[in-house]
Amino acid sequence: MNAREFLKHYRYDDRLVTGRYYPQEPIKAESGETVGVVLMNLGGPDTLDDIEPFLYNLFMDPAIIDMPVGRFLRHWISKLISTTRSKKVGKDYTEIGGGSPINRLTKEQAENLESFLNQKFGQPAGIRFRVYIAMRYWKPTTEQAVQKMQKDNVDKVVLLPLYPHYSKTTTGSSLIYWWILEQQNEIPKWPTTYVFEYAAHPKFVWAISERIDEALERFPENVRDKVQLVFSAHGTPLLEMKRRRDPYCCLIHSTVEQVMKLGKKDRPFHVAFQSKVGPAEWLTPSTPDKLKELAEQGEKAVLIIPVAFVTDHIETLYELDIEIREEAEEFGIEHYEVSKGLNSHPLFIEALAEATVSQVTLPGDGKTGLRPIQELPKYTEEKRSTRCHQCEHIIEAIRWEAARVKEKVSQT
């Protein structure tokens, strides 16, 4: 299904924000079955020639960019924007090697996740996990993933976003695309479940904390204790939170809160948002604005943590590490570092595996020791002090530490 065909079938409703295109109940796997785990990500151009069609697919997505125009006009506007922007963006991609590493890195994540799932859970239970990649705006496409799944005789499906923080513009867009393909009978209707978010999963949080520790070692020892932590997330238009009640911003702050509890309580930290496009008001402060503010306060050392990105790509390797670095130096920041993306960090792979298996009931006595997501409590409002100044208190993150059956955690 191309971008214009998708537009013909797209209709906004609350499911785009709640994810309820599919039930959150676990799927039941029988002995000998194959469970397909679909890693949903945005994708990226492999070469400079791929940039224009990649951008066209992105700008044609109504879940990420609203345009109050019809399908025909949107097609031509998207064509114009992608053609114009591809020239500038091409220079950015040239700076990081001529293409995005996101596809290669996601493939590595998929291979590591499949291996871990089968060794830890699949083989003991007599089932097989197969992991597939479905990129929203590039290849491998959802349809290409499905072709492989059919060849592998997949029986049940877990949709697993590589977006820890649910947003209609990311996970929601991938879910509705999969759902529309089903409704149009372009892909099979497997028994399907999904993972809504894992913003506060302990192993995801620990992996971020370890990346921070690694990056702090790159600062001169005499300034290490003075480093300001700036968690930088991809921004979204403010109306997504205010009008549509998108949970994204709350979940970002939930991750930051949990990271800062891991031995970093006394270190100053901030949350900012990057990658603004268009005239609409977005979540603030922007990452450059926050850096300028810190510089004006006399701060000289900053570590940027790409908190919403689990795979290195153009927005970490170029925007944060090159473009915003230059701005920071102009502001007067003397020591500037960017922490590495999680990529295939072992703890992150384990977090993905546990999120997956929480949504699968294994055959016989094959127990995972993990509760289903729908049974997990959430943090309460008073437990989170890290918020943005625009917060309207929409949602709290799932308490993944309560997932382990052996633990007794009060549901407060």
Protein backbone atom coordinates (compact mmCIF):
# COMPACT_ATOMS: atom_id res chain seq x y z
CA MET A 1 0.00 0.00 0.00
CA ASN A 2 1.57 3.29 -1.03
CA ALA A 3 1.21 6.58 0.84
CA ARG A 4 -1.69 7.82 -1.30
CA GLU A 5 -3.63 4.61 -0.85
CA PHE A 6 -3.09 4.78 2.92
CA LEU A 7 -4.50 8.32 2.98
CA LYS A 8 -7.67 7.08 1.30
CA HIS A 9 -8.36 4.69 4.19
CA TYR A 10 -7.02 6.76 7.10
CA ARG A 11 -9.51 8.11 9.63
CA TYR A 12 -8.55 9.63 12.95
CA ASP A 13 -10.20 8.27 16.09
CA ASP A 14 -9.19 7.81 19.73
CA ARG A 15 -7.52 4.48 19.02
CA LEU A 16 -4.66 6.38 17.44
CA VAL A 17 -3.88 7.75 20.90
CA THR A 18 -4.81 4.69 22.97
CA GLY A 19 -3.40 2.01 20.66
CA ARG A 20 -6.58 0.00 20.99
CA TYR A 21 -6.63 -1.28 17.44
CA TYR A 22 -5.60 -4.55 19.07
CA PRO A 23 -6.36 -6.10 22.46
CA GLN A 24 -3.75 -5.85 25.19
CA GLU A 25 -4.51 -9.35 26.39
CA PRO A 26 -1.65 -11.83 25.91
CA ILE A 27 -1.80 -14.21 22.98
CA LYS A 28 -1.77 -17.90 23.86
CA ALA A 29 1.02 -19.84 22.17
CA GLU A 30 0.64 -23.59 21.67
CA SER A 31 3.49 -26.09 21.59
CA GLY A 32 5.28 -26.06 18.26
CA GLU A 33 3.91 -22.68 17.18
CA THR A 34 5.87 -19.73 15.85
CA VAL A 35 5.35 -16.32 17.43
CA GLY A 36 6.23 -13.42 15.15
CA VAL A 37 7.60 -10.34 16.91
CA VAL A 38 7.38 -7.26 14.70
CA LEU A 39 9.83 -4.47 15.50
CA MET A 40 8.19 -1.24 14.38
CA ASN A 41 10.50 1.67 13.61
CA LEU A 42 10.55 4.71 11.32
CA GLY A 43 13.39 3.61 9.01
CA GLY A 44 15.80 5.84 7.14
CA PRO A 45 17.36 6.31 3.70
CA ASP A 46 20.13 3.83 2.93
CA THR A 47 21.68 6.10 0.29
CA LEU A 48 21.46 9.73 -0.75
CA ASP A 49 19.11 8.72 -3.59
CA ASP A 50 16.67 7.33 -1.03
CA ILE A 51 16.24 10.60 0.87
CA GLU A 52 13.54 12.17 -1.32
CA PRO A 53 11.17 9.14 -1.38
CA PHE A 54 11.77 8.59 2.34
CA LEU A 55 10.81 12.19 3.13
CA TYR A 56 7.80 11.95 0.83
CA ASN A 57 6.50 8.92 2.74
CA LEU A 58 7.00 10.77 6.03
CA PHE A 59 5.26 13.98 4.96
CA MET A 60 2.35 12.00 3.53
CA ASP A 61 1.59 10.44 6.92
CA PRO A 62 -1.44 12.22 8.49
CA ALA A 63 -0.70 10.64 11.87
CA ILE A 64 2.53 12.58 12.15
CA ILE A 65 1.80 15.75 10.15
CA ASP A 66 -1.66 17.28 9.88
CA MET A 67 -2.45 19.10 6.65
CA PRO A 68 -5.95 20.56 6.24
CA VAL A 69 -5.96 19.66 2.53
CA GLY A 70 -7.31 16.87 0.38
CA ARG A 71 -5.36 13.79 -0.70
CA PHE A 72 -4.52 15.09 -4.15
CA LEU A 73 -3.16 18.43 -2.90
CA ARG A 74 -1.31 16.76 -0.02
CA HIS A 75 0.48 14.54 -2.55
CA TRP A 76 1.84 17.56 -4.42
CA ILE A 77 2.72 19.49 -1.28
CA SER A 78 4.60 16.46 0.05
CA LYS A 79 6.37 16.08 -3.28
CA LEU A 80 7.44 19.71 -3.19
CA ILE A 81 8.64 19.61 0.42
CA SER A 82 10.52 16.34 0.02
CA THR A 83 12.22 17.55 -3.16
CA THR A 84 13.25 20.84 -1.55
CA ARG A 85 14.36 19.38 1.79
CA SER A 86 16.23 16.45 0.28
CA LYS A 87 18.91 18.80 -1.04
CA LYS A 88 19.66 20.16 2.43
CA VAL A 89 19.16 16.86 4.23
CA GLY A 90 21.46 15.18 1.71
CA LYS A 91 24.33 17.32 3.02
CA ASP A 92 23.47 16.22 6.57
CA TYR A 93 23.50 12.54 5.63
CA THR A 94 26.80 13.02 3.81
CA GLU A 95 28.27 14.17 7.14
CA ILE A 96 27.36 10.80 8.72
CA GLY A 97 28.42 8.54 5.87
CA GLY A 98 25.86 9.05 3.10
CA GLY A 99 22.93 7.17 4.62
CA SER A 100 21.17 6.29 7.82
CA PRO A 101 22.57 3.53 10.07
CA ILE A 102 19.10 2.92 11.54
CA ASN A 103 18.29 0.02 9.23
CA ARG A 104 21.55 -1.81 9.98
CA LEU A 105 21.29 -1.15 13.70
CA THR A 106 17.65 -2.27 13.83
CA LYS A 107 18.63 -5.49 12.06
CA GLU A 108 21.23 -6.10 14.77
CA GLN A 109 18.61 -5.44 17.43
CA ALA A 110 16.25 -7.91 15.77
CA GLU A 111 18.92 -10.63 15.60
CA ASN A 112 19.93 -10.15 19.24
CA LEU A 113 16.32 -10.07 20.41
CA GLU A 114 15.41 -13.24 18.51
CA SER A 115 18.38 -15.10 19.93
CA PHE A 116 17.61 -14.00 23.50
CA LEU A 117 13.89 -14.77 23.23
CA ASN A 118 14.46 -18.29 21.99
CA GLN A 119 17.24 -19.16 24.44
CA LYS A 120 15.49 -17.71 27.48
CA PHE A 121 11.83 -18.43 26.75
CA GLY A 122 11.11 -20.16 23.46
CA GLN A 123 13.21 -23.32 23.60
CA PRO A 124 12.21 -24.27 27.19
CA ALA A 125 8.52 -23.84 26.28
CA GLY A 126 8.65 -25.61 22.92
CA ILE A 127 7.77 -22.60 20.79
CA ARG A 128 9.76 -20.48 18.36
CA PHE A 129 10.13 -16.71 18.29
CA ARG A 130 10.93 -15.02 15.00
CA VAL A 131 11.67 -11.28 14.91
CA TYR A 132 10.85 -9.10 11.90
CA ILE A 133 11.37 -5.44 11.01
CA ALA A 134 8.58 -3.19 9.72
CA MET A 135 9.82 0.30 8.88
CA ARG A 136 7.09 2.90 8.60
CA TYR A 137 8.69 5.13 5.95
CA TRP A 138 11.32 2.94 4.31
CA LYS A 139 12.48 -0.61 3.81
CA PRO A 140 11.95 -3.28 4.93
CA THR A 141 8.30 -2.26 4.73
CA THR A 142 5.44 -3.76 6.69
CA GLU A 143 4.43 -5.71 3.60
CA GLN A 144 7.94 -7.12 3.20
CA ALA A 145 7.93 -8.17 6.86
CA VAL A 146 4.59 -9.91 6.36
CA GLN A 147 5.88 -11.81 3.33
CA LYS A 148 8.66 -13.26 5.48
CA MET A 149 6.19 -14.04 8.24
CA GLN A 150 3.99 -16.00 5.85
CA LYS A 151 6.96 -17.98 4.56
CA ASP A 152 7.90 -18.79 8.16
CA ASN A 153 4.34 -19.93 8.94
CA VAL A 154 3.90 -17.52 11.82
CA ASP A 155 0.93 -18.41 14.05
CA LYS A 156 0.65 -15.49 16.48
CA VAL A 157 1.93 -11.89 16.45
CA VAL A 158 3.31 -9.39 18.97
CA LEU A 159 3.69 -5.84 17.64
CA LEU A 160 6.68 -4.33 19.45
CA PRO A 161 7.48 -0.64 18.76
CA LEU A 162 11.04 0.60 19.00
CA TYR A 163 9.46 3.68 20.52
CA PRO A 164 9.53 3.30 24.32
CA HIS A 165 7.12 6.24 24.74
CA TYR A 166 3.75 5.87 23.05
CA SER A 167 2.66 8.65 20.72
CA LYS A 168 0.12 8.74 17.93
CA THR A 169 2.91 10.13 15.74
CA THR A 170 5.13 7.07 16.19
CA THR A 171 3.66 3.83 17.59
CA GLY A 172 0.14 4.98 16.72
CA SER A 173 1.10 5.56 13.09
CA SER A 174 2.63 2.08 12.81
CA LEU A 175 -0.36 0.42 14.47
CA ILE A 176 -2.96 2.07 12.26
CA TYR A 177 -0.94 1.21 9.16
CA TRP A 178 -0.85 -2.46 10.17
CA TRP A 179 -4.56 -2.36 11.05
CA ILE A 180 -5.60 -0.76 7.74
CA LEU A 181 -3.64 -3.40 5.82
CA GLU A 182 -5.63 -6.02 7.72
CA GLN A 183 -8.95 -4.33 7.05
CA GLN A 184 -8.16 -4.16 3.34
CA ASN A 185 -7.22 -7.87 3.37
CA GLU A 186 -3.70 -7.07 2.20
CA ILE A 187 -2.14 -8.97 5.10
CA PRO A 188 -3.38 -11.94 7.19
CA LYS A 189 -5.39 -11.34 10.37
CA TRP A 190 -3.23 -13.23 12.83
CA PRO A 191 -4.10 -13.37 16.54
CA THR A 192 -2.32 -10.17 17.51
CA THR A 193 -1.34 -8.19 20.58
CA TYR A 194 0.96 -5.20 21.12
CA VAL A 195 3.18 -3.44 23.63
CA PHE A 196 1.88 0.04 24.45
CA GLU A 197 4.94 1.51 26.19
CA TYR A 198 7.97 0.54 28.27
CA ALA A 199 9.09 4.00 29.34
CA ALA A 200 9.91 2.93 32.90
CA HIS A 201 11.04 -0.64 32.31
CA PRO A 202 13.93 -1.09 34.77
CA LYS A 203 16.30 -2.63 32.22
CA PHE A 204 15.56 0.07 29.65
CA VAL A 205 16.23 2.67 32.35
CA TRP A 206 19.43 0.92 33.48
CA ALA A 207 20.69 0.80 29.91
CA ILE A 208 20.24 4.58 29.57
CA SER A 209 21.99 5.08 32.91
CA GLU A 210 24.96 3.01 31.74
CA ARG A 211 25.20 5.02 28.51
CA ILE A 212 25.29 8.17 30.63
CA ASP A 213 28.11 6.77 32.76
CA GLU A 214 30.06 5.83 29.62
CA ALA A 215 29.65 9.35 28.21
CA LEU A 216 30.63 11.07 31.48
CA GLU A 217 34.00 9.33 31.24
CA ARG A 218 34.71 11.39 28.12
CA PHE A 219 34.71 14.64 30.10
CA PRO A 220 37.90 15.92 31.73
CA GLU A 221 38.02 14.65 35.27
CA ASN A 222 38.12 18.15 36.75
CA VAL A 223 34.72 19.10 35.22
CA ARG A 224 32.96 15.74 35.46
CA ASP A 225 31.07 16.64 38.65
CA LYS A 226 29.83 19.88 37.06
CA VAL A 227 28.26 18.31 33.95
CA GLN A 228 24.65 19.28 33.30
CA LEU A 229 22.50 16.43 31.96
CA VAL A 230 20.12 17.41 29.16
CA PHE A 231 17.66 14.71 28.11
CA SER A 232 16.71 15.50 24.51
CA ALA A 233 13.56 13.97 23.04
CA HIS A 234 11.98 14.41 19.64
CA GLY A 235 9.37 17.13 19.91
CA THR A 236 5.72 17.02 18.89
CA PRO A 237 3.15 19.76 18.25
CA LEU A 238 1.62 20.98 21.49
CA LEU A 239 -1.90 20.30 20.23
CA GLU A 240 -1.17 16.56 20.30
CA MET A 241 -1.07 16.79 24.09
CA LYS A 242 -3.69 19.47 24.66
CA ARG A 243 -6.33 18.46 22.16
CA ARG A 244 -5.71 14.77 21.57
CA ARG A 245 -4.33 13.84 25.00
CA ASP A 246 -1.26 12.17 23.56
CA PRO A 247 0.69 10.52 26.43
CA TYR A 248 4.14 11.04 24.90
CA CYS A 249 5.41 13.95 27.00
CA CYS A 250 4.35 12.36 30.29
CA LEU A 251 6.11 9.12 29.35
CA ILE A 252 9.32 10.94 28.42
CA HIS A 253 9.38 12.57 31.85
CA SER A 254 8.65 9.22 33.48
CA THR A 255 11.79 7.77 31.92
CA VAL A 256 13.88 10.73 33.04
CA GLU A 257 12.51 10.43 36.57
CA GLN A 258 13.49 6.76 36.79
CA VAL A 259 16.95 7.33 35.30
CA MET A 260 17.70 10.07 37.81
CA LYS A 261 16.84 7.73 40.67
CA LEU A 262 19.71 5.43 39.71
CA GLY A 263 22.53 7.06 41.64
CA LYS A 264 22.24 10.43 39.91
CA LYS A 265 19.94 12.25 42.31
CA ASP A 266 22.37 15.07 43.04
CA ARG A 267 23.33 15.84 39.45
CA PRO A 268 21.47 18.73 37.74
CA PHE A 269 19.29 17.64 34.83
CA HIS A 270 16.90 19.10 32.27
CA VAL A 271 14.44 17.87 29.62
CA ALA A 272 14.28 19.47 26.19
CA PHE A 273 12.84 18.74 22.75
CA GLN A 274 14.41 18.80 19.30
CA SER A 275 13.62 18.58 15.58
CA LYS A 276 10.84 21.16 15.37
CA VAL A 277 9.41 21.69 11.89
CA GLY A 278 6.63 23.98 10.69
CA PRO A 279 4.96 27.01 12.29
CA ALA A 280 2.88 25.19 14.93
CA GLU A 281 3.74 25.51 18.63
CA TRP A 282 5.70 22.48 19.87
CA LEU A 283 6.68 21.10 23.23
CA THR A 284 9.28 23.31 24.85
CA PRO A 285 12.00 24.15 25.69
CA SER A 286 13.85 23.30 22.52
CA THR A 287 17.24 21.70 23.00
CA PRO A 288 19.17 24.70 21.59
CA ASP A 289 17.15 27.11 23.77
CA LYS A 290 17.93 25.07 26.87
CA LEU A 291 21.65 25.04 26.01
CA LYS A 292 21.63 28.80 25.49
CA GLU A 293 19.93 29.24 28.85
CA LEU A 294 22.51 27.05 30.59
CA ALA A 295 25.38 28.93 28.94
CA GLU A 296 23.91 32.25 30.09
CA GLN A 297 23.87 30.83 33.62
CA GLY A 298 27.58 30.16 33.35
CA GLU A 299 27.46 26.41 32.75
CA LYS A 300 30.34 25.09 30.65
CA ALA A 301 29.83 21.32 30.52
CA VAL A 302 26.77 19.53 29.10
CA LEU A 303 25.94 15.92 28.31
CA ILE A 304 23.07 15.36 25.87
CA ILE A 305 21.09 12.14 26.35
CA PRO A 306 18.86 11.16 23.37
CA VAL A 307 16.19 9.73 25.64
CA ALA A 308 13.50 8.93 23.05
CA PHE A 309 15.80 7.38 20.43
CA VAL A 310 16.85 3.77 20.98
CA THR A 311 18.77 3.54 17.71
CA ASP A 312 21.38 5.99 16.44
CA HIS A 313 20.32 7.82 13.28
CA ILE A 314 20.34 11.29 11.70
CA GLU A 315 18.84 13.00 14.75
CA THR A 316 21.49 11.71 17.12
CA LEU A 317 24.55 11.48 14.87
CA TYR A 318 24.02 14.73 12.95
CA GLU A 319 21.47 16.96 14.67
CA LEU A 320 22.74 16.42 18.23
CA ASP A 321 26.38 15.52 17.67
CA ILE A 322 27.19 18.00 14.89
CA GLU A 323 24.57 20.70 14.35
CA ILE A 324 23.54 21.41 17.96
CA ARG A 325 27.14 20.89 19.11
CA GLU A 326 28.13 23.87 16.93
CA GLU A 327 25.33 25.96 18.45
CA ALA A 328 26.41 24.97 21.96
CA GLU A 329 29.97 26.09 21.27
CA GLU A 330 28.67 29.43 20.00
CA PHE A 331 26.69 29.84 23.22
CA GLY A 332 29.86 29.27 25.25
CA ILE A 333 29.56 25.60 26.20
CA GLU A 334 33.16 24.36 26.37
CA HIS A 335 32.59 20.65 27.06
CA TYR A 336 29.81 19.01 25.04
CA GLU A 337 29.15 15.30 24.64
CA VAL A 338 26.28 13.13 23.36
CA SER A 339 25.62 9.73 24.88
CA LYS A 340 25.51 6.79 22.49
CA GLY A 341 22.17 5.33 21.45
CA LEU A 342 21.08 2.13 23.17
CA ASN A 343 21.28 0.16 19.93
CA SER A 344 21.95 -3.46 21.04
CA HIS A 345 22.85 -2.76 24.65
CA PRO A 346 22.26 -6.14 26.39
CA LEU A 347 19.96 -4.64 29.03
CA PHE A 348 17.85 -2.98 26.37
CA ILE A 349 17.52 -6.25 24.47
CA GLU A 350 16.40 -7.92 27.71
CA ALA A 351 13.84 -5.15 28.27
CA LEU A 352 12.43 -5.73 24.78
CA ALA A 353 12.30 -9.48 25.43
CA GLU A 354 10.48 -9.08 28.73
CA ALA A 355 8.00 -6.64 27.20
CA THR A 356 7.35 -9.18 24.44
CA VAL A 357 6.97 -12.21 26.66
CA SER A 358 4.64 -10.34 29.00
CA GLN A 359 2.20 -10.50 26.09
CA VAL A 360 2.56 -14.25 25.43
CA THR A 361 1.06 -17.09 27.42
CA LEU A 362 3.44 -20.02 26.97
CA PRO A 363 2.15 -23.57 26.46
CA GLY A 364 1.83 -26.08 29.28
CA ASP A 365 3.86 -25.18 32.33
CA GLY A 366 6.19 -22.90 30.40
CA LYS A 367 6.12 -19.94 32.76
CA THR A 368 7.80 -16.64 32.06
CA GLY A 369 7.61 -15.32 35.60
CA LEU A 370 6.18 -12.10 34.14
CA ARG A 371 2.71 -10.65 34.51
CA PRO A 372 0.76 -9.50 31.44
CA ILE A 373 0.89 -5.77 30.77
CA GLN A 374 -2.83 -5.36 31.41
CA GLU A 375 -2.34 -6.56 35.00
CA LEU A 376 0.46 -4.14 35.82
CA PRO A 377 -0.17 -1.06 37.96
CA LYS A 378 0.93 2.41 36.97
CA TYR A 379 2.84 4.97 38.93
CA THR A 380 0.65 7.48 40.71
CA GLU A 381 0.74 11.21 40.07
CA GLU A 382 2.44 12.09 43.34
CA LYS A 383 5.27 9.62 42.61
CA ARG A 384 6.54 11.71 39.68
CA SER A 385 8.01 15.16 40.20
CA THR A 386 9.66 15.43 36.77
CA ARG A 387 7.20 17.25 34.53
CA CYS A 388 7.16 19.81 31.77
CA HIS A 389 5.77 23.31 32.32
CA GLN A 390 2.99 22.53 29.82
CA CYS A 391 1.88 19.38 31.67
CA GLU A 392 -1.83 18.63 31.90
CA HIS A 393 -1.28 15.31 33.68
CA ILE A 394 -2.49 12.88 31.05
CA ILE A 395 -0.96 9.54 32.03
CA GLU A 396 1.57 7.79 34.24
CA ALA A 397 3.95 5.06 33.10
CA ILE A 398 3.49 1.34 33.70
CA ARG A 399 5.30 0.03 36.78
CA TRP A 400 7.31 -2.64 35.04
CA GLU A 401 9.14 -3.53 38.24
CA ALA A 402 5.84 -5.12 39.31
CA ALA A 403 5.92 -7.49 36.32
CA ARG A 404 7.84 -10.23 38.09
CA VAL A 405 5.40 -12.61 39.71
CA LYS A 406 7.65 -13.34 42.69
CA GLU A 407 7.66 -9.69 43.74
CA LYS A 408 4.97 -8.30 46.01
CA VAL A 409 4.33 -4.72 44.98
CA SER A 410 1.40 -2.73 46.29
CA GLN A 411 -0.67 -1.15 43.54
CA THR A 412 -0.49 2.46 44.56
